[in-house]
């Protein structure tokens, strides 16, 4: 991961520059509705869910799954 693609540097403008499927919807549920560990059980028990996290990691250029499952590395 480089500085330009670190989670703290991914702005809305940068997300809009990423190549995405036109049928893809990005959902932002709002501040405070997420918690560390969300999605871990789904990814562990479902190949489809694990694939979605893997695709997101690759598309974003950083380990989103680790951020969701474990939190920030330097928190």
N, C-alpha and C. Protein backbone atom coordinates (compact mmCIF):
# COMPACT_ATOMS: atom_id res chain seq x y z
N UNK A 1 0.85 -1.17 0.00
CA UNK A 1 0.00 0.00 0.00
C UNK A 1 0.90 1.23 0.00
N UNK A 2 0.57 2.18 -0.85
CA UNK A 2 1.33 3.42 -0.83
C UNK A 2 0.48 4.54 -0.25
N UNK A 3 1.11 5.69 -0.04
CA UNK A 3 0.42 6.79 0.63
C UNK A 3 -0.84 7.22 -0.11
N UNK A 4 -0.81 7.22 -1.44
CA UNK A 4 -1.97 7.67 -2.23
C UNK A 4 -3.17 6.75 -2.11
N UNK A 5 -2.93 5.47 -1.79
CA UNK A 5 -4.05 4.53 -1.68
C UNK A 5 -4.32 4.08 -0.25
N UNK A 6 -3.68 4.72 0.72
CA UNK A 6 -3.96 4.35 2.10
C UNK A 6 -5.40 4.73 2.42
N UNK A 7 -6.04 4.01 3.33
CA UNK A 7 -7.45 4.30 3.64
C UNK A 7 -7.70 5.76 3.99
N UNK A 8 -6.76 6.41 4.66
CA UNK A 8 -6.97 7.80 5.04
C UNK A 8 -6.86 8.75 3.86
N UNK A 9 -6.27 8.30 2.76
CA UNK A 9 -6.10 9.15 1.57
C UNK A 9 -7.14 8.86 0.49
N UNK A 10 -7.99 7.85 0.67
CA UNK A 10 -9.00 7.53 -0.32
C UNK A 10 -10.19 8.47 -0.15
N UNK A 11 -10.23 9.47 -1.00
CA UNK A 11 -11.30 10.45 -0.93
C UNK A 11 -12.40 10.06 -1.91
N UNK A 12 -13.52 10.74 -1.82
CA UNK A 12 -14.62 10.50 -2.76
C UNK A 12 -14.14 10.72 -4.19
N UNK A 13 -13.33 11.73 -4.42
CA UNK A 13 -12.82 12.00 -5.78
C UNK A 13 -12.00 10.81 -6.28
N UNK A 14 -11.17 10.23 -5.44
CA UNK A 14 -10.35 9.08 -5.84
C UNK A 14 -11.23 7.87 -6.11
N UNK A 15 -12.23 7.65 -5.28
CA UNK A 15 -13.14 6.53 -5.51
C UNK A 15 -13.85 6.66 -6.85
N UNK A 16 -14.21 7.89 -7.23
CA UNK A 16 -14.90 8.10 -8.50
C UNK A 16 -13.99 7.83 -9.69
N UNK A 17 -12.67 7.90 -9.49
CA UNK A 17 -11.72 7.64 -10.57
C UNK A 17 -11.49 6.16 -10.80
N UNK A 18 -11.86 5.32 -9.83
CA UNK A 18 -11.66 3.88 -9.96
C UNK A 18 -12.60 3.32 -11.01
N UNK A 19 -12.13 2.33 -11.73
CA UNK A 19 -12.96 1.66 -12.73
C UNK A 19 -13.91 0.72 -11.99
N UNK A 20 -15.21 0.95 -12.16
CA UNK A 20 -16.20 0.12 -11.47
C UNK A 20 -17.28 -0.33 -12.43
N UNK A 21 -17.96 -1.37 -12.07
CA UNK A 21 -19.10 -1.88 -12.81
C UNK A 21 -20.23 -0.86 -12.70
N UNK A 22 -20.86 -0.47 -13.81
CA UNK A 22 -21.93 0.54 -13.74
C UNK A 22 -23.16 0.07 -12.96
N UNK A 23 -23.25 -1.21 -12.68
CA UNK A 23 -24.37 -1.71 -11.88
C UNK A 23 -24.01 -1.83 -10.40
N UNK A 24 -22.81 -1.40 -10.05
CA UNK A 24 -22.34 -1.46 -8.67
C UNK A 24 -22.82 -0.24 -7.90
N UNK A 25 -23.29 -0.45 -6.71
CA UNK A 25 -23.71 0.64 -5.85
C UNK A 25 -22.82 0.67 -4.62
N UNK A 26 -22.29 1.84 -4.29
CA UNK A 26 -21.54 2.02 -3.06
C UNK A 26 -22.50 2.54 -2.01
N UNK A 27 -22.59 1.84 -0.91
CA UNK A 27 -23.53 2.20 0.14
C UNK A 27 -22.74 2.70 1.35
N UNK A 28 -23.06 3.88 1.80
CA UNK A 28 -22.41 4.47 2.96
C UNK A 28 -23.47 4.59 4.06
N UNK A 29 -23.50 3.63 5.00
CA UNK A 29 -24.59 3.57 5.96
C UNK A 29 -24.58 4.66 7.01
N UNK A 30 -23.52 5.41 7.09
CA UNK A 30 -23.49 6.48 8.08
C UNK A 30 -22.51 6.18 9.20
N UNK A 31 -22.08 7.23 9.84
CA UNK A 31 -21.09 7.12 10.90
C UNK A 31 -21.67 6.38 12.11
N UNK A 32 -20.89 5.49 12.66
CA UNK A 32 -21.28 4.81 13.88
C UNK A 32 -22.05 3.52 13.71
N UNK A 33 -22.40 3.17 12.48
CA UNK A 33 -23.18 1.95 12.29
C UNK A 33 -22.29 0.75 11.97
N UNK A 34 -20.99 0.95 11.92
CA UNK A 34 -20.06 -0.14 11.65
C UNK A 34 -19.28 -0.46 12.92
N UNK A 35 -18.75 -1.67 12.95
CA UNK A 35 -17.85 -2.03 14.05
C UNK A 35 -16.80 -2.99 13.53
N UNK A 36 -15.66 -2.97 14.16
CA UNK A 36 -14.58 -3.87 13.78
C UNK A 36 -15.07 -5.30 13.90
N UNK A 37 -14.79 -6.09 12.90
CA UNK A 37 -15.19 -7.49 12.89
C UNK A 37 -16.39 -7.78 12.01
N UNK A 38 -17.11 -6.73 11.61
CA UNK A 38 -18.28 -6.95 10.75
C UNK A 38 -17.84 -7.60 9.44
N UNK A 39 -18.53 -8.63 9.04
CA UNK A 39 -18.25 -9.32 7.78
C UNK A 39 -17.30 -10.49 7.91
N UNK A 40 -16.57 -10.57 9.02
CA UNK A 40 -15.58 -11.65 9.17
C UNK A 40 -16.24 -13.02 9.11
N UNK A 41 -17.33 -13.22 9.84
CA UNK A 41 -18.00 -14.53 9.84
C UNK A 41 -18.56 -14.86 8.46
N UNK A 42 -19.10 -13.86 7.78
CA UNK A 42 -19.64 -14.09 6.43
C UNK A 42 -18.52 -14.50 5.48
N UNK A 43 -17.38 -13.82 5.54
CA UNK A 43 -16.27 -14.15 4.65
C UNK A 43 -15.69 -15.52 4.98
N UNK A 44 -15.72 -15.91 6.26
CA UNK A 44 -15.18 -17.21 6.66
C UNK A 44 -16.10 -18.36 6.26
N UNK A 45 -17.39 -18.09 6.17
CA UNK A 45 -18.33 -19.18 5.90
C UNK A 45 -18.88 -19.19 4.48
N UNK A 46 -18.58 -18.16 3.70
CA UNK A 46 -19.14 -18.06 2.36
C UNK A 46 -18.06 -17.69 1.34
N UNK A 47 -17.88 -18.55 0.35
CA UNK A 47 -16.92 -18.25 -0.72
C UNK A 47 -17.31 -16.98 -1.46
N UNK A 48 -18.61 -16.76 -1.62
CA UNK A 48 -19.08 -15.57 -2.31
C UNK A 48 -18.70 -14.31 -1.53
N UNK A 49 -18.96 -14.31 -0.22
CA UNK A 49 -18.61 -13.16 0.61
C UNK A 49 -17.09 -12.94 0.62
N UNK A 50 -16.33 -14.02 0.74
CA UNK A 50 -14.87 -13.90 0.72
C UNK A 50 -14.40 -13.31 -0.61
N UNK A 51 -15.05 -13.71 -1.70
CA UNK A 51 -14.71 -13.18 -3.02
C UNK A 51 -15.01 -11.70 -3.14
N UNK A 52 -16.09 -11.25 -2.53
CA UNK A 52 -16.44 -9.83 -2.56
C UNK A 52 -15.36 -9.02 -1.83
N UNK A 53 -14.93 -9.50 -0.66
CA UNK A 53 -13.88 -8.80 0.07
C UNK A 53 -12.57 -8.80 -0.73
N UNK A 54 -12.25 -9.92 -1.36
CA UNK A 54 -11.03 -10.00 -2.17
C UNK A 54 -11.08 -9.04 -3.35
N UNK A 55 -12.23 -8.95 -4.00
CA UNK A 55 -12.39 -8.00 -5.11
C UNK A 55 -12.24 -6.57 -4.62
N UNK A 56 -12.81 -6.26 -3.47
CA UNK A 56 -12.70 -4.91 -2.92
C UNK A 56 -11.24 -4.59 -2.58
N UNK A 57 -10.53 -5.54 -1.98
CA UNK A 57 -9.11 -5.34 -1.66
C UNK A 57 -8.34 -4.99 -2.92
N UNK A 58 -8.57 -5.76 -3.98
CA UNK A 58 -7.84 -5.55 -5.23
C UNK A 58 -8.23 -4.23 -5.89
N UNK A 59 -9.52 -3.95 -5.95
CA UNK A 59 -9.99 -2.73 -6.62
C UNK A 59 -9.51 -1.47 -5.91
N UNK A 60 -9.48 -1.51 -4.59
CA UNK A 60 -9.09 -0.33 -3.82
C UNK A 60 -7.59 -0.19 -3.67
N UNK A 61 -6.86 -1.28 -3.85
CA UNK A 61 -5.41 -1.23 -3.73
C UNK A 61 -4.92 -1.24 -2.30
N UNK A 62 -5.77 -1.62 -1.37
CA UNK A 62 -5.36 -1.82 0.01
C UNK A 62 -6.23 -2.90 0.63
N UNK A 63 -5.83 -3.38 1.78
CA UNK A 63 -6.47 -4.54 2.40
C UNK A 63 -7.71 -4.11 3.19
N UNK A 64 -8.81 -3.84 2.48
CA UNK A 64 -10.06 -3.44 3.11
C UNK A 64 -10.56 -4.53 4.05
N UNK A 65 -10.38 -5.79 3.67
CA UNK A 65 -10.86 -6.87 4.53
C UNK A 65 -10.17 -6.83 5.89
N UNK A 66 -8.88 -6.57 5.93
CA UNK A 66 -8.18 -6.46 7.22
C UNK A 66 -8.73 -5.28 8.02
N UNK A 67 -8.97 -4.17 7.37
CA UNK A 67 -9.53 -3.00 8.05
C UNK A 67 -10.89 -3.34 8.66
N UNK A 68 -11.73 -4.05 7.92
CA UNK A 68 -13.06 -4.43 8.43
C UNK A 68 -12.96 -5.45 9.56
N UNK A 69 -12.10 -6.46 9.38
CA UNK A 69 -12.06 -7.57 10.32
C UNK A 69 -11.23 -7.28 11.56
N UNK A 70 -10.14 -6.53 11.40
CA UNK A 70 -9.18 -6.34 12.49
C UNK A 70 -9.04 -4.88 12.94
N UNK A 71 -9.51 -3.95 12.16
CA UNK A 71 -9.34 -2.53 12.49
C UNK A 71 -8.04 -2.00 11.90
N UNK A 72 -7.76 -0.75 12.21
CA UNK A 72 -6.55 -0.12 11.68
C UNK A 72 -5.31 -0.78 12.26
N UNK A 73 -4.31 -0.94 11.43
CA UNK A 73 -3.06 -1.59 11.86
C UNK A 73 -2.34 -0.78 12.94
N UNK A 74 -2.40 0.53 12.85
CA UNK A 74 -1.65 1.37 13.79
C UNK A 74 -2.58 2.11 14.74
N UNK A 75 -3.74 1.55 15.00
CA UNK A 75 -4.70 2.22 15.90
C UNK A 75 -4.29 2.03 17.34
